[in-house]
Amino acid sequence: MKIVKSEVKTLTYALRAYNHTLRQRILALLEKNGEMPVTDIFIALRLEQSVASQHLGVLRRADLVETTRTGKYVKYRLRKSSISQLKNLADHWHNNTEPHRSQRIVGSGMDLAAM
């Protein structure tokens, strides 16, 4: 796997965005439910709307989620291509550094190998 500098920068930002328990919970919720409106996300996670929106913004800027707007409603879903890139990076790291580590990202409930 050839790693390009610009891709490393993008993936680094995505990993930084991912490295937060609440954002991991949001991603796991979207993985489980597919596309969801913001309202359903903050209700399901028992968050203030502003807190959910801030974290969704971080995930959106990191290209881990994408949005669609229908009237006044914004729906979020996982951005499968970015998740796939993270999986490829995890696979590369797994295969070249520690062959016995799991591909499951600890604490998230997300299994990159299954995506």
PDB file of N, CA and C in Angstrom:
ATOM      1  N   MET A   1       0.848  -1.170   0.000  1.00  0.00           N
ATOM      2  CA  MET A   1       0.000   0.000   0.000  1.00  0.00           C
ATOM      3  C   MET A   1       0.893   1.232   0.000  1.00  0.00           C
ATOM      4  N   LYS A   2       0.731   2.062  -1.003  1.00  0.00           N
ATOM      5  CA  LYS A   2       1.509   3.288  -1.098  1.00  0.00           C
ATOM      6  C   LYS A   2       0.752   4.395  -0.369  1.00  0.00           C
ATOM      7  N   ILE A   3       1.429   5.085   0.533  1.00  0.00           N
ATOM      8  CA  ILE A   3       0.805   6.144   1.305  1.00  0.00           C
ATOM      9  C   ILE A   3       1.324   7.488   0.801  1.00  0.00           C
ATOM     10  N   VAL A   4       0.398   8.341   0.371  1.00  0.00           N
ATOM     11  CA  VAL A   4       0.718   9.664  -0.154  1.00  0.00           C
ATOM     12  C   VAL A   4       0.606  10.674   0.984  1.00  0.00           C
ATOM     13  N   LYS A   5       1.501  11.665   0.991  1.00  0.00           N
ATOM     14  CA  LYS A   5       1.550  12.641   2.079  1.00  0.00           C
ATOM     15  C   LYS A   5       0.199  13.322   2.317  1.00  0.00           C
ATOM     16  N   SER A   6      -0.494  13.728   1.261  1.00  0.00           N
ATOM     17  CA  SER A   6      -1.787  14.397   1.431  1.00  0.00           C
ATOM     18  C   SER A   6      -2.828  13.454   2.043  1.00  0.00           C
ATOM     19  N   GLU A   7      -2.729  12.162   1.716  1.00  0.00           N
ATOM     20  CA  GLU A   7      -3.644  11.186   2.300  1.00  0.00           C
ATOM     21  C   GLU A   7      -3.357  10.996   3.783  1.00  0.00           C
ATOM     22  N   VAL A   8      -2.097  11.018   4.143  1.00  0.00           N
ATOM     23  CA  VAL A   8      -1.720  10.885   5.556  1.00  0.00           C
ATOM     24  C   VAL A   8      -2.295  12.054   6.349  1.00  0.00           C
ATOM     25  N   LYS A   9      -2.200  13.254   5.792  1.00  0.00           N
ATOM     26  CA  LYS A   9      -2.731  14.436   6.471  1.00  0.00           C
ATOM     27  C   LYS A   9      -4.247  14.301   6.660  1.00  0.00           C
ATOM     28  N   THR A  10      -4.939  13.874   5.623  1.00  0.00           N
ATOM     29  CA  THR A  10      -6.385  13.689   5.702  1.00  0.00           C
ATOM     30  C   THR A  10      -6.742  12.614   6.715  1.00  0.00           C
ATOM     31  N   LEU A  11      -6.034  11.507   6.679  1.00  0.00           N
ATOM     32  CA  LEU A  11      -6.307  10.412   7.610  1.00  0.00           C
ATOM     33  C   LEU A  11      -5.949  10.791   9.041  1.00  0.00           C
ATOM     34  N   THR A  12      -4.907  11.591   9.208  1.00  0.00           N
ATOM     35  CA  THR A  12      -4.543  12.056  10.549  1.00  0.00           C
ATOM     36  C   THR A  12      -5.673  12.891  11.133  1.00  0.00           C
ATOM     37  N   TYR A  13      -6.236  13.774  10.328  1.00  0.00           N
ATOM     38  CA  TYR A  13      -7.355  14.589  10.792  1.00  0.00           C
ATOM     39  C   TYR A  13      -8.552  13.703  11.143  1.00  0.00           C
ATOM     40  N   ALA A  14      -8.814  12.697  10.313  1.00  0.00           N
ATOM     41  CA  ALA A  14      -9.927  11.778  10.579  1.00  0.00           C
ATOM     42  C   ALA A  14      -9.708  11.003  11.874  1.00  0.00           C
ATOM     43  N   LEU A  15      -8.482  10.558  12.093  1.00  0.00           N
ATOM     44  CA  LEU A  15      -8.186   9.825  13.329  1.00  0.00           C
ATOM     45  C   LEU A  15      -8.300  10.721  14.562  1.00  0.00           C
ATOM     46  N   ARG A  16      -7.883  11.966  14.423  1.00  0.00           N
ATOM     47  CA  ARG A  16      -8.044  12.911  15.536  1.00  0.00           C
ATOM     48  C   ARG A  16      -9.525  13.137  15.828  1.00  0.00           C
ATOM     49  N   ALA A  17     -10.310  13.271  14.787  1.00  0.00           N
ATOM     50  CA  ALA A  17     -11.751  13.462  14.970  1.00  0.00           C
ATOM     51  C   ALA A  17     -12.370  12.225  15.615  1.00  0.00           C
ATOM     52  N   TYR A  18     -11.891  11.071  15.221  1.00  0.00           N
ATOM     53  CA  TYR A  18     -12.416   9.810  15.745  1.00  0.00           C
ATOM     54  C   TYR A  18     -12.033   9.602  17.212  1.00  0.00           C
ATOM     55  N   ASN A  19     -10.945  10.194  17.620  1.00  0.00           N
ATOM     56  CA  ASN A  19     -10.383   9.949  18.953  1.00  0.00           C
ATOM     57  C   ASN A  19     -11.123  10.730  20.043  1.00  0.00           C
ATOM     58  N   HIS A  20     -12.416  10.540  20.127  1.00  0.00           N
ATOM     59  CA  HIS A  20     -13.239  11.157  21.170  1.00  0.00           C
ATOM     60  C   HIS A  20     -14.416  10.224  21.428  1.00  0.00           C
ATOM     61  N   THR A  21     -14.647   9.905  22.672  1.00  0.00           N
ATOM     62  CA  THR A  21     -15.670   8.923  23.032  1.00  0.00           C
ATOM     63  C   THR A  21     -17.046   9.283  22.493  1.00  0.00           C
ATOM     64  N   LEU A  22     -17.430  10.535  22.597  1.00  0.00           N
ATOM     65  CA  LEU A  22     -18.760  10.940  22.119  1.00  0.00           C
ATOM     66  C   LEU A  22     -18.871  10.801  20.607  1.00  0.00           C
ATOM     67  N   ARG A  23     -17.822  11.176  19.888  1.00  0.00           N
ATOM     68  CA  ARG A  23     -17.863  11.042  18.424  1.00  0.00           C
ATOM     69  C   ARG A  23     -17.871   9.564  18.023  1.00  0.00           C
ATOM     70  N   GLN A  24     -17.202   8.720  18.791  1.00  0.00           N
ATOM     71  CA  GLN A  24     -17.254   7.284  18.531  1.00  0.00           C
ATOM     72  C   GLN A  24     -18.676   6.761  18.739  1.00  0.00           C
ATOM     73  N   ARG A  25     -19.362   7.277  19.765  1.00  0.00           N
ATOM     74  CA  ARG A  25     -20.751   6.871  20.006  1.00  0.00           C
ATOM     75  C   ARG A  25     -21.656   7.324  18.864  1.00  0.00           C
ATOM     76  N   ILE A  26     -21.415   8.520  18.336  1.00  0.00           N
ATOM     77  CA  ILE A  26     -22.196   9.015  17.202  1.00  0.00           C
ATOM     78  C   ILE A  26     -21.977   8.121  15.990  1.00  0.00           C
ATOM     79  N   LEU A  27     -20.724   7.783  15.698  1.00  0.00           N
ATOM     80  CA  LEU A  27     -20.424   6.924  14.551  1.00  0.00           C
ATOM     81  C   LEU A  27     -21.044   5.538  14.714  1.00  0.00           C
ATOM     82  N   ALA A  28     -20.976   4.992  15.915  1.00  0.00           N
ATOM     83  CA  ALA A  28     -21.582   3.680  16.171  1.00  0.00           C
ATOM     84  C   ALA A  28     -23.094   3.747  15.983  1.00  0.00           C
ATOM     85  N   LEU A  29     -23.716   4.842  16.413  1.00  0.00           N
ATOM     86  CA  LEU A  29     -25.162   5.023  16.242  1.00  0.00           C
ATOM     87  C   LEU A  29     -25.522   5.095  14.762  1.00  0.00           C
ATOM     88  N   LEU A  30     -24.738   5.832  13.990  1.00  0.00           N
ATOM     89  CA  LEU A  30     -24.986   5.929  12.546  1.00  0.00           C
ATOM     90  C   LEU A  30     -24.729   4.597  11.843  1.00  0.00           C
ATOM     91  N   GLU A  31     -23.738   3.863  12.321  1.00  0.00           N
ATOM     92  CA  GLU A  31     -23.476   2.542  11.742  1.00  0.00           C
ATOM     93  C   GLU A  31     -24.681   1.631  11.964  1.00  0.00           C
ATOM     94  N   LYS A  32     -25.248   1.697  13.137  1.00  0.00           N
ATOM     95  CA  LYS A  32     -26.382   0.840  13.497  1.00  0.00           C
ATOM     96  C   LYS A  32     -27.664   1.252  12.774  1.00  0.00           C
ATOM     97  N   ASN A  33     -27.918   2.561  12.681  1.00  0.00           N
ATOM     98  CA  ASN A  33     -29.203   3.049  12.183  1.00  0.00           C
ATOM     99  C   ASN A  33     -29.184   3.604  10.770  1.00  0.00           C
ATOM    100  N   GLY A  34     -28.025   3.738  10.173  1.00  0.00           N
ATOM    101  CA  GLY A  34     -27.965   4.333   8.840  1.00  0.00           C
ATOM    102  C   GLY A  34     -28.127   5.840   8.924  1.00  0.00           C
ATOM    103  N   GLU A  35     -28.844   6.411   7.992  1.00  0.00           N
ATOM    104  CA  GLU A  35     -29.049   7.856   7.945  1.00  0.00           C
ATOM    105  C   GLU A  35     -30.002   8.303   9.057  1.00  0.00           C
ATOM    106  N   MET A  36     -29.603   9.364   9.764  1.00  0.00           N
ATOM    107  CA  MET A  36     -30.411   9.863  10.876  1.00  0.00           C
ATOM    108  C   MET A  36     -30.431  11.386  10.887  1.00  0.00           C
ATOM    109  N   PRO A  37     -31.592  11.973  11.212  1.00  0.00           N
ATOM    110  CA  PRO A  37     -31.621  13.425  11.409  1.00  0.00           C
ATOM    111  C   PRO A  37     -30.925  13.814  12.715  1.00  0.00           C
ATOM    112  N   VAL A  38     -30.426  15.038  12.760  1.00  0.00           N
ATOM    113  CA  VAL A  38     -29.715  15.535  13.934  1.00  0.00           C
ATOM    114  C   VAL A  38     -30.556  15.345  15.197  1.00  0.00           C
ATOM    115  N   THR A  39     -31.831  15.647  15.104  1.00  0.00           N
ATOM    116  CA  THR A  39     -32.712  15.535  16.269  1.00  0.00           C
ATOM    117  C   THR A  39     -32.691  14.134  16.849  1.00  0.00           C
ATOM    118  N   ASP A  40     -32.780  13.125  16.000  1.00  0.00           N
ATOM    119  CA  ASP A  40     -32.768  11.740  16.478  1.00  0.00           C
ATOM    120  C   ASP A  40     -31.426  11.383  17.124  1.00  0.00           C
ATOM    121  N   ILE A  41     -30.348  11.949  16.599  1.00  0.00           N
ATOM    122  CA  ILE A  41     -29.022  11.669  17.151  1.00  0.00           C
ATOM    123  C   ILE A  41     -28.902  12.236  18.561  1.00  0.00           C
ATOM    124  N   PHE A  42     -29.262  13.505  18.736  1.00  0.00           N
ATOM    125  CA  PHE A  42     -29.067  14.070  20.080  1.00  0.00           C
ATOM    126  C   PHE A  42     -30.060  13.516  21.085  1.00  0.00           C
ATOM    127  N   ILE A  43     -31.243  13.097  20.636  1.00  0.00           N
ATOM    128  CA  ILE A  43     -32.191  12.458  21.556  1.00  0.00           C
ATOM    129  C   ILE A  43     -31.683  11.070  21.954  1.00  0.00           C
ATOM    130  N   ALA A  44     -31.221  10.292  20.972  1.00  0.00           N
ATOM    131  CA  ALA A  44     -30.751   8.925  21.251  1.00  0.00           C
ATOM    132  C   ALA A  44     -29.559   8.925  22.205  1.00  0.00           C
ATOM    133  N   LEU A  45     -28.698   9.920  22.092  1.00  0.00           N
ATOM    134  CA  LEU A  45     -27.496   9.975  22.924  1.00  0.00           C
ATOM    135  C   LEU A  45     -27.670  10.853  24.168  1.00  0.00           C
ATOM    136  N   ARG A  46     -28.880  11.403  24.325  1.00  0.00           N
ATOM    137  CA  ARG A  46     -29.202  12.257  25.479  1.00  0.00           C
ATOM    138  C   ARG A  46     -28.221  13.422  25.610  1.00  0.00           C
ATOM    139  N   LEU A  47     -28.096  14.155  24.511  1.00  0.00           N
ATOM    140  CA  LEU A  47     -27.193  15.298  24.454  1.00  0.00           C
ATOM    141  C   LEU A  47     -27.970  16.580  24.239  1.00  0.00           C
ATOM    142  N   GLU A  48     -27.329  17.687  24.544  1.00  0.00           N
ATOM    143  CA  GLU A  48     -27.858  18.976  24.130  1.00  0.00           C
ATOM    144  C   GLU A  48     -27.670  19.072  22.615  1.00  0.00           C
ATOM    145  N   GLN A  49     -28.592  19.742  21.957  1.00  0.00           N
ATOM    146  CA  GLN A  49     -28.516  19.878  20.501  1.00  0.00           C
ATOM    147  C   GLN A  49     -27.209  20.536  20.078  1.00  0.00           C
ATOM    148  N   SER A  50     -26.767  21.551  20.804  1.00  0.00           N
ATOM    149  CA  SER A  50     -25.539  22.265  20.433  1.00  0.00           C
ATOM    150  C   SER A  50     -24.308  21.364  20.540  1.00  0.00           C
ATOM    151  N   VAL A  51     -24.281  20.494  21.543  1.00  0.00           N
ATOM    152  CA  VAL A  51     -23.157  19.570  21.729  1.00  0.00           C
ATOM    153  C   VAL A  51     -23.110  18.578  20.570  1.00  0.00           C
ATOM    154  N   ALA A  52     -24.269  18.015  20.242  1.00  0.00           N
ATOM    155  CA  ALA A  52     -24.329  17.073  19.118  1.00  0.00           C
ATOM    156  C   ALA A  52     -23.893  17.747  17.824  1.00  0.00           C
ATOM    157  N   SER A  53     -24.379  18.968  17.597  1.00  0.00           N
ATOM    158  CA  SER A  53     -24.036  19.683  16.365  1.00  0.00           C
ATOM    159  C   SER A  53     -22.546  19.974  16.274  1.00  0.00           C
ATOM    160  N   GLN A  54     -21.923  20.348  17.390  1.00  0.00           N
ATOM    161  CA  GLN A  54     -20.477  20.607  17.382  1.00  0.00           C
ATOM    162  C   GLN A  54     -19.705  19.349  16.994  1.00  0.00           C
ATOM    163  N   HIS A  55     -20.050  18.226  17.601  1.00  0.00           N
ATOM    164  CA  HIS A  55     -19.325  16.984  17.317  1.00  0.00           C
ATOM    165  C   HIS A  55     -19.622  16.477  15.907  1.00  0.00           C
ATOM    166  N   LEU A  56     -20.851  16.635  15.448  1.00  0.00           N
ATOM    167  CA  LEU A  56     -21.176  16.254  14.066  1.00  0.00           C
ATOM    168  C   LEU A  56     -20.397  17.127  13.079  1.00  0.00           C
ATOM    169  N   GLY A  57     -20.190  18.390  13.420  1.00  0.00           N
ATOM    170  CA  GLY A  57     -19.396  19.273  12.567  1.00  0.00           C
ATOM    171  C   GLY A  57     -17.951  18.811  12.452  1.00  0.00           C
ATOM    172  N   VAL A  58     -17.375  18.373  13.567  1.00  0.00           N
ATOM    173  CA  VAL A  58     -16.005  17.840  13.548  1.00  0.00           C
ATOM    174  C   VAL A  58     -15.950  16.600  12.655  1.00  0.00           C
ATOM    175  N   LEU A  59     -16.919  15.706  12.804  1.00  0.00           N
ATOM    176  CA  LEU A  59     -16.953  14.483  11.986  1.00  0.00           C
ATOM    177  C   LEU A  59     -17.166  14.807  10.508  1.00  0.00           C
ATOM    178  N   ARG A  60     -17.981  15.816  10.230  1.00  0.00           N
ATOM    179  CA  ARG A  60     -18.234  16.221   8.842  1.00  0.00           C
ATOM    180  C   ARG A  60     -16.965  16.803   8.221  1.00  0.00           C
ATOM    181  N   ARG A  61     -16.270  17.681   8.950  1.00  0.00           N
ATOM    182  CA  ARG A  61     -15.030  18.279   8.425  1.00  0.00           C
ATOM    183  C   ARG A  61     -13.939  17.227   8.218  1.00  0.00           C
ATOM    184  N   ALA A  62     -13.996  16.159   8.994  1.00  0.00           N
ATOM    185  CA  ALA A  62     -13.034  15.060   8.852  1.00  0.00           C
ATOM    186  C   ALA A  62     -13.475  14.063   7.787  1.00  0.00           C
ATOM    187  N   ASP A  63     -14.586  14.325   7.133  1.00  0.00           N
ATOM    188  CA  ASP A  63     -15.148  13.459   6.082  1.00  0.00           C
ATOM    189  C   ASP A  63     -15.532  12.072   6.584  1.00  0.00           C
ATOM    190  N   LEU A  64     -15.840  11.943   7.869  1.00  0.00           N
ATOM    191  CA  LEU A  64     -16.286  10.651   8.391  1.00  0.00           C
ATOM    192  C   LEU A  64     -17.796  10.484   8.269  1.00  0.00           C
ATOM    193  N   VAL A  65     -18.507  11.598   8.134  1.00  0.00           N
ATOM    194  CA  VAL A  65     -19.946  11.564   7.896  1.00  0.00           C
ATOM    195  C   VAL A  65     -20.264  12.516   6.754  1.00  0.00           C
ATOM    196  N   GLU A  66     -21.410  12.299   6.140  1.00  0.00           N
ATOM    197  CA  GLU A  66     -21.896  13.201   5.101  1.00  0.00           C
ATOM    198  C   GLU A  66     -23.348  13.534   5.398  1.00  0.00           C
ATOM    199  N   THR A  67     -23.819  14.608   4.810  1.00  0.00           N
ATOM    200  CA  THR A  67     -25.165  15.083   5.103  1.00  0.00           C
ATOM    201  C   THR A  67     -26.011  15.200   3.848  1.00  0.00           C
ATOM    202  N   THR A  68     -27.309  15.146   4.070  1.00  0.00           N
ATOM    203  CA  THR A  68     -28.285  15.519   3.051  1.00  0.00           C
ATOM    204  C   THR A  68     -29.300  16.414   3.735  1.00  0.00           C
ATOM    205  N   ARG A  69     -29.797  17.385   3.014  1.00  0.00           N
ATOM    206  CA  ARG A  69     -30.773  18.317   3.561  1.00  0.00           C
ATOM    207  C   ARG A  69     -32.092  18.129   2.826  1.00  0.00           C
ATOM    208  N   THR A  70     -33.149  17.960   3.602  1.00  0.00           N
ATOM    209  CA  THR A  70     -34.504  17.874   3.070  1.00  0.00           C
ATOM    210  C   THR A  70     -35.316  18.937   3.793  1.00  0.00           C
ATOM    211  N   GLY A  71     -35.558  20.043   3.120  1.00  0.00           N
ATOM    212  CA  GLY A  71     -36.237  21.154   3.777  1.00  0.00           C
ATOM    213  C   GLY A  71     -35.394  21.678   4.909  1.00  0.00           C
ATOM    214  N   LYS A  72     -35.966  21.711   6.119  1.00  0.00           N
ATOM    215  CA  LYS A  72     -35.210  22.207   7.268  1.00  0.00           C
ATOM    216  C   LYS A  72     -34.474  21.104   8.016  1.00  0.00           C
ATOM    217  N   TYR A  73     -34.587  19.868   7.552  1.00  0.00           N
ATOM    218  CA  TYR A  73     -33.961  18.732   8.237  1.00  0.00           C
ATOM    219  C   TYR A  73     -32.635  18.364   7.598  1.00  0.00           C
ATOM    220  N   VAL A  74     -31.628  18.150   8.445  1.00  0.00           N
ATOM    221  CA  VAL A  74     -30.313  17.681   8.001  1.00  0.00           C
ATOM    222  C   VAL A  74     -30.152  16.268   8.520  1.00  0.00           C
ATOM    223  N   LYS A  75     -29.854  15.348   7.592  1.00  0.00           N
ATOM    224  CA  LYS A  75     -29.640  13.949   7.971  1.00  0.00           C
ATOM    225  C   LYS A  75     -28.169  13.607   7.779  1.00  0.00           C
ATOM    226  N   TYR A  76     -27.659  12.817   8.707  1.00  0.00           N
ATOM    227  CA  TYR A  76     -26.259  12.385   8.692  1.00  0.00           C
ATOM    228  C   TYR A  76     -26.182  10.888   8.432  1.00  0.00           C
ATOM    229  N   ARG A  77     -25.110  10.478   7.753  1.00  0.00           N
ATOM    230  CA  ARG A  77     -24.814   9.058   7.549  1.00  0.00           C
ATOM    231  C   ARG A  77     -23.302   8.914   7.464  1.00  0.00           C
ATOM    232  N   LEU A  78     -22.837   7.690   7.711  1.00  0.00           N
ATOM    233  CA  LEU A  78     -21.400   7.427   7.599  1.00  0.00           C
ATOM    234  C   LEU A  78     -20.949   7.643   6.167  1.00  0.00           C
ATOM    235  N   ARG A  79     -19.767   8.162   6.016  1.00  0.00           N
ATOM    236  CA  ARG A  79     -19.158   8.292   4.687  1.00  0.00           C
ATOM    237  C   ARG A  79     -18.314   7.041   4.488  1.00  0.00           C
ATOM    238  N   LYS A  80     -18.893   6.082   3.783  1.00  0.00           N
ATOM    239  CA  LYS A  80     -18.283   4.750   3.645  1.00  0.00           C
ATOM    240  C   LYS A  80     -16.880   4.807   3.042  1.00  0.00           C
ATOM    241  N   SER A  81     -16.628   5.715   2.094  1.00  0.00           N
ATOM    242  CA  SER A  81     -15.299   5.767   1.471  1.00  0.00           C
ATOM    243  C   SER A  81     -14.229   6.162   2.486  1.00  0.00           C
ATOM    244  N   SER A  82     -14.547   7.098   3.371  1.00  0.00           N
ATOM    245  CA  SER A  82     -13.576   7.498   4.398  1.00  0.00           C
ATOM    246  C   SER A  82     -13.365   6.401   5.424  1.00  0.00           C
ATOM    247  N   ILE A  83     -14.450   5.729   5.795  1.00  0.00           N
ATOM    248  CA  ILE A  83     -14.341   4.609   6.728  1.00  0.00           C
ATOM    249  C   ILE A  83     -13.489   3.512   6.090  1.00  0.00           C
ATOM    250  N   SER A  84     -13.659   3.304   4.792  1.00  0.00           N
ATOM    251  CA  SER A  84     -12.870   2.306   4.070  1.00  0.00           C
ATOM    252  C   SER A  84     -11.387   2.677   4.075  1.00  0.00           C
ATOM    253  N   GLN A  85     -11.080   3.976   3.902  1.00  0.00           N
ATOM    254  CA  GLN A  85      -9.687   4.421   3.958  1.00  0.00           C
ATOM    255  C   GLN A  85      -9.097   4.162   5.337  1.00  0.00           C
ATOM    256  N   LEU A  86      -9.881   4.443   6.380  1.00  0.00           N
ATOM    257  CA  LEU A  86      -9.393   4.175   7.733  1.00  0.00           C
ATOM    258  C   LEU A  86      -9.162   2.693   7.935  1.00  0.00           C
ATOM    259  N   LYS A  87     -10.058   1.877   7.391  1.00  0.00           N
ATOM    260  CA  LYS A  87      -9.895   0.422   7.484  1.00  0.00           C
ATOM    261  C   LYS A  87      -8.609  -0.013   6.787  1.00  0.00           C
ATOM    262  N   ASN A  88      -8.365   0.533   5.598  1.00  0.00           N
ATOM    263  CA  ASN A  88      -7.141   0.188   4.865  1.00  0.00           C
ATOM    264  C   ASN A  88      -5.900   0.597   5.643  1.00  0.00           C
ATOM    265  N   LEU A  89      -5.940   1.767   6.258  1.00  0.00           N
ATOM    266  CA  LEU A  89      -4.820   2.208   7.074  1.00  0.00           C
ATOM    267  C   LEU A  89      -4.629   1.276   8.261  1.00  0.00           C
ATOM    268  N   ALA A  90      -5.743   0.898   8.919  1.00  0.00           N
ATOM    269  CA  ALA A  90      -5.660  -0.029  10.058  1.00  0.00           C
ATOM    270  C   ALA A  90      -5.103  -1.379   9.604  1.00  0.00           C
ATOM    271  N   ASP A  91      -5.550  -1.848   8.431  1.00  0.00           N
ATOM    272  CA  ASP A  91      -5.046  -3.113   7.892  1.00  0.00           C
ATOM    273  C   ASP A  91      -3.540  -3.026   7.636  1.00  0.00           C
ATOM    274  N   HIS A  92      -3.123  -1.910   7.030  1.00  0.00           N
ATOM    275  CA  HIS A  92      -1.702  -1.726   6.729  1.00  0.00           C
ATOM    276  C   HIS A  92      -0.890  -1.717   8.023  1.00  0.00           C
ATOM    277  N   TRP A  93      -1.357  -0.950   9.001  1.00  0.00           N
ATOM    278  CA  TRP A  93      -0.680  -0.888  10.296  1.00  0.00           C
ATOM    279  C   TRP A  93      -0.669  -2.256  10.960  1.00  0.00           C
ATOM    280  N   HIS A  94      -1.806  -2.932  10.913  1.00  0.00           N
ATOM    281  CA  HIS A  94      -1.953  -4.259  11.526  1.00  0.00           C
ATOM    282  C   HIS A  94      -0.987  -5.266  10.888  1.00  0.00           C
ATOM    283  N   ASN A  95      -0.898  -5.240   9.580  1.00  0.00           N
ATOM    284  CA  ASN A  95      -0.076  -6.210   8.867  1.00  0.00           C
ATOM    285  C   ASN A  95       1.429  -5.913   8.949  1.00  0.00           C
ATOM    286  N   ASN A  96       1.779  -4.666   9.235  1.00  0.00           N
ATOM    287  CA  ASN A  96       3.188  -4.291   9.209  1.00  0.00           C
ATOM    288  C   ASN A  96       3.792  -3.985  10.565  1.00  0.00           C
ATOM    289  N   THR A  97       2.989  -3.924  11.610  1.00  0.00           N
ATOM    290  CA  THR A  97       3.565  -3.583  12.907  1.00  0.00           C
ATOM    291  C   THR A  97       3.260  -4.605  13.987  1.00  0.00           C
ATOM    292  N   GLU A  98       2.012  -4.943  14.157  1.00  0.00           N
ATOM    293  CA  GLU A  98       1.645  -5.857  15.230  1.00  0.00           C
ATOM    294  C   GLU A  98       0.623  -6.861  14.696  1.00  0.00           C
ATOM    295  N   PRO A  99       1.086  -7.964  14.147  1.00  0.00           N
ATOM    296  CA  PRO A  99       0.184  -8.884  13.471  1.00  0.00           C
ATOM    297  C   PRO A  99      -0.857  -9.555  14.355  1.00  0.00           C
ATOM    298  N   HIS A 100      -0.758  -9.443  15.663  1.00  0.00           N
ATOM    299  CA  HIS A 100      -1.717 -10.133  16.517  1.00  0.00           C
ATOM    300  C   HIS A 100      -2.766  -9.218  17.116  1.00  0.00           C
ATOM    301  N   ARG A 101      -2.750  -7.934  16.775  1.00  0.00           N
ATOM    302  CA  ARG A 101      -3.742  -7.003  17.318  1.00  0.00           C
ATOM    303  C   ARG A 101      -5.036  -7.102  16.530  1.00  0.00           C
ATOM    304  N   SER A 102      -6.137  -6.856  17.205  1.00  0.00           N
ATOM    305  CA  SER A 102      -7.458  -6.878  16.580  1.00  0.00           C
ATOM    306  C   SER A 102      -7.659  -5.617  15.754  1.00  0.00           C
ATOM    307  N   GLN A 103      -8.522  -5.701  14.733  1.00  0.00           N
ATOM    308  CA  GLN A 103      -8.875  -4.531  13.946  1.00  0.00           C
ATOM    309  C   GLN A 103     -10.013  -3.759  14.591  1.00  0.00           C
ATOM    310  N   ARG A 104     -10.556  -4.282  15.665  1.00  0.00           N
ATOM    311  CA  ARG A 104     -11.608  -3.553  16.361  1.00  0.00           C
ATOM    312  C   ARG A 104     -10.990  -2.333  17.031  1.00  0.00           C
ATOM    313  N   ILE A 105     -11.610  -1.196  16.844  1.00  0.00           N
ATOM    314  CA  ILE A 105     -11.116   0.013  17.480  1.00  0.00           C
ATOM    315  C   ILE A 105     -11.661   0.016  18.895  1.00  0.00           C
ATOM    316  N   VAL A 106     -10.759  -0.011  19.850  1.00  0.00           N
ATOM    317  CA  VAL A 106     -11.099  -0.176  21.257  1.00  0.00           C
ATOM    318  C   VAL A 106     -12.040   0.935  21.712  1.00  0.00           C
ATOM    319  N   GLY A 107     -13.115   0.519  22.387  1.00  0.00           N
ATOM    320  CA  GLY A 107     -14.033   1.464  22.998  1.00  0.00           C
ATOM    321  C   GLY A 107     -15.119   1.980  22.096  1.00  0.00           C
ATOM    322  N   SER A 108     -15.062   1.700  20.819  1.00  0.00           N
ATOM    323  CA  SER A 108     -16.028   2.303  19.905  1.00  0.00           C
ATOM    324  C   SER A 108     -17.206   1.405  19.592  1.00  0.00           C
ATOM    325  N   GLY A 109     -17.010   0.097  19.698  1.00  0.00           N
ATOM    326  CA  GLY A 109     -18.054  -0.810  19.253  1.00  0.00           C
ATOM    327  C   GLY A 109     -18.058  -0.992  17.749  1.00  0.00           C
ATOM    328  N   MET A 110     -17.136  -0.309  17.048  1.00  0.00           N
ATOM    329  CA  MET A 110     -17.072  -0.420  15.589  1.00  0.00           C
ATOM    330  C   MET A 110     -15.973  -1.387  15.197  1.00  0.00           C
ATOM    331  N   ASP A 111     -16.285  -2.276  14.299  1.00  0.00           N
ATOM    332  CA  ASP A 111     -15.325  -3.233  13.795  1.00  0.00           C
ATOM    333  C   ASP A 111     -15.020  -2.847  12.359  1.00  0.00           C
ATOM    334  N   LEU A 112     -13.856  -2.253  12.125  1.00  0.00           N
ATOM    335  CA  LEU A 112     -13.503  -1.809  10.784  1.00  0.00           C
ATOM    336  C   LEU A 112     -13.481  -2.954   9.783  1.00  0.00           C
ATOM    337  N   ALA A 113     -13.139  -4.137  10.226  1.00  0.00           N
ATOM    338  CA  ALA A 113     -13.078  -5.280   9.313  1.00  0.00           C
ATOM    339  C   ALA A 113     -14.447  -5.646   8.776  1.00  0.00           C
ATOM    340  N   ALA A 114     -15.485  -5.328   9.511  1.00  0.00           N
ATOM    341  CA  ALA A 114     -16.840  -5.689   9.100  1.00  0.00           C
ATOM    342  C   ALA A 114     -17.466  -4.662   8.163  1.00  0.00           C
ATOM    343  N   MET A 115     -16.833  -3.501   8.003  1.00  0.00           N
ATOM    344  CA  MET A 115     -17.428  -2.433   7.198  1.00  0.00           C
ATOM    345  C   MET A 115     -17.089  -2.567   5.749  1.00  0.00           C
TER     346      MET A 115
END
